[in-house]
Amino acid sequence: MTPTDKPPRFPQLAMDQLDATQKALGEQVVKVSSIGLGGPYNPMLRSPVLGQRLLDLFHYLRWETSVPVKLNEFAIIIIARQWRSQVEWLAHAPLAEKAGLAPGIVAELKANRRPANMPKPEAVVYDFVTELTTAHKVSDATFERARNVFSDQQIVDLTAVAGNYIMVAMMLAMAEQTVPPGRDEPFGPEEP
């Protein structure tokens, strides 16, 4: 059996396959998801109570966070790039650009490089999220740079969005979820 012949770990669920608890969650998901019940939602539907709590958290971290949308989406795609999360990148890179993140920043990040010539807020987000997720701490210097740009609430929300999307990347990796049929994976096999 080749990897492409391997059965999915979690076959894609459709609305007509869901029980009552799953269906209530599924109906909420399709209202906000650009990939329907795919991506992280497919495994989340297997644990609908957890799925509902995660969806509520996603709601805050996407639409009610104190972090400006452009910077919030930038943090998400930083995590997507670190994890080579095809689904996260596919869903969020266009949202980051739509929110005003410069296409050059997105392209350099996709190429696995620290984007050059970032405006101060973007540079702070990149350095803060990258340091936190790779060194597992934030230096005093990086924290002070963040504090000069963001409020305490924004720093906490930025940390939460990074952690949340690591969890999403883990869910996608565990389930071996990939992009929806007919969509190309953003990262080719030759890309680091």
Foldseek 3Di string as FASTA:
>chain_A
DDPVPDDFPQPADDLVVADPLLNVLQVVCQVPDPQRCAQLNRVCSVVSVVSVVLVVVVCCLQPVAPDQNLLSLLLLVLLCLVLVPQASCVRRVVSNVVSPDDPQCSVCVNLVHRRPPDPLSNNLLNQQLVCCVPVVDADPVSVVSCVVPDPPRNVVSSVVSNVSSNVSSVSCVVRVGHGDPPDDRSDDPPGD
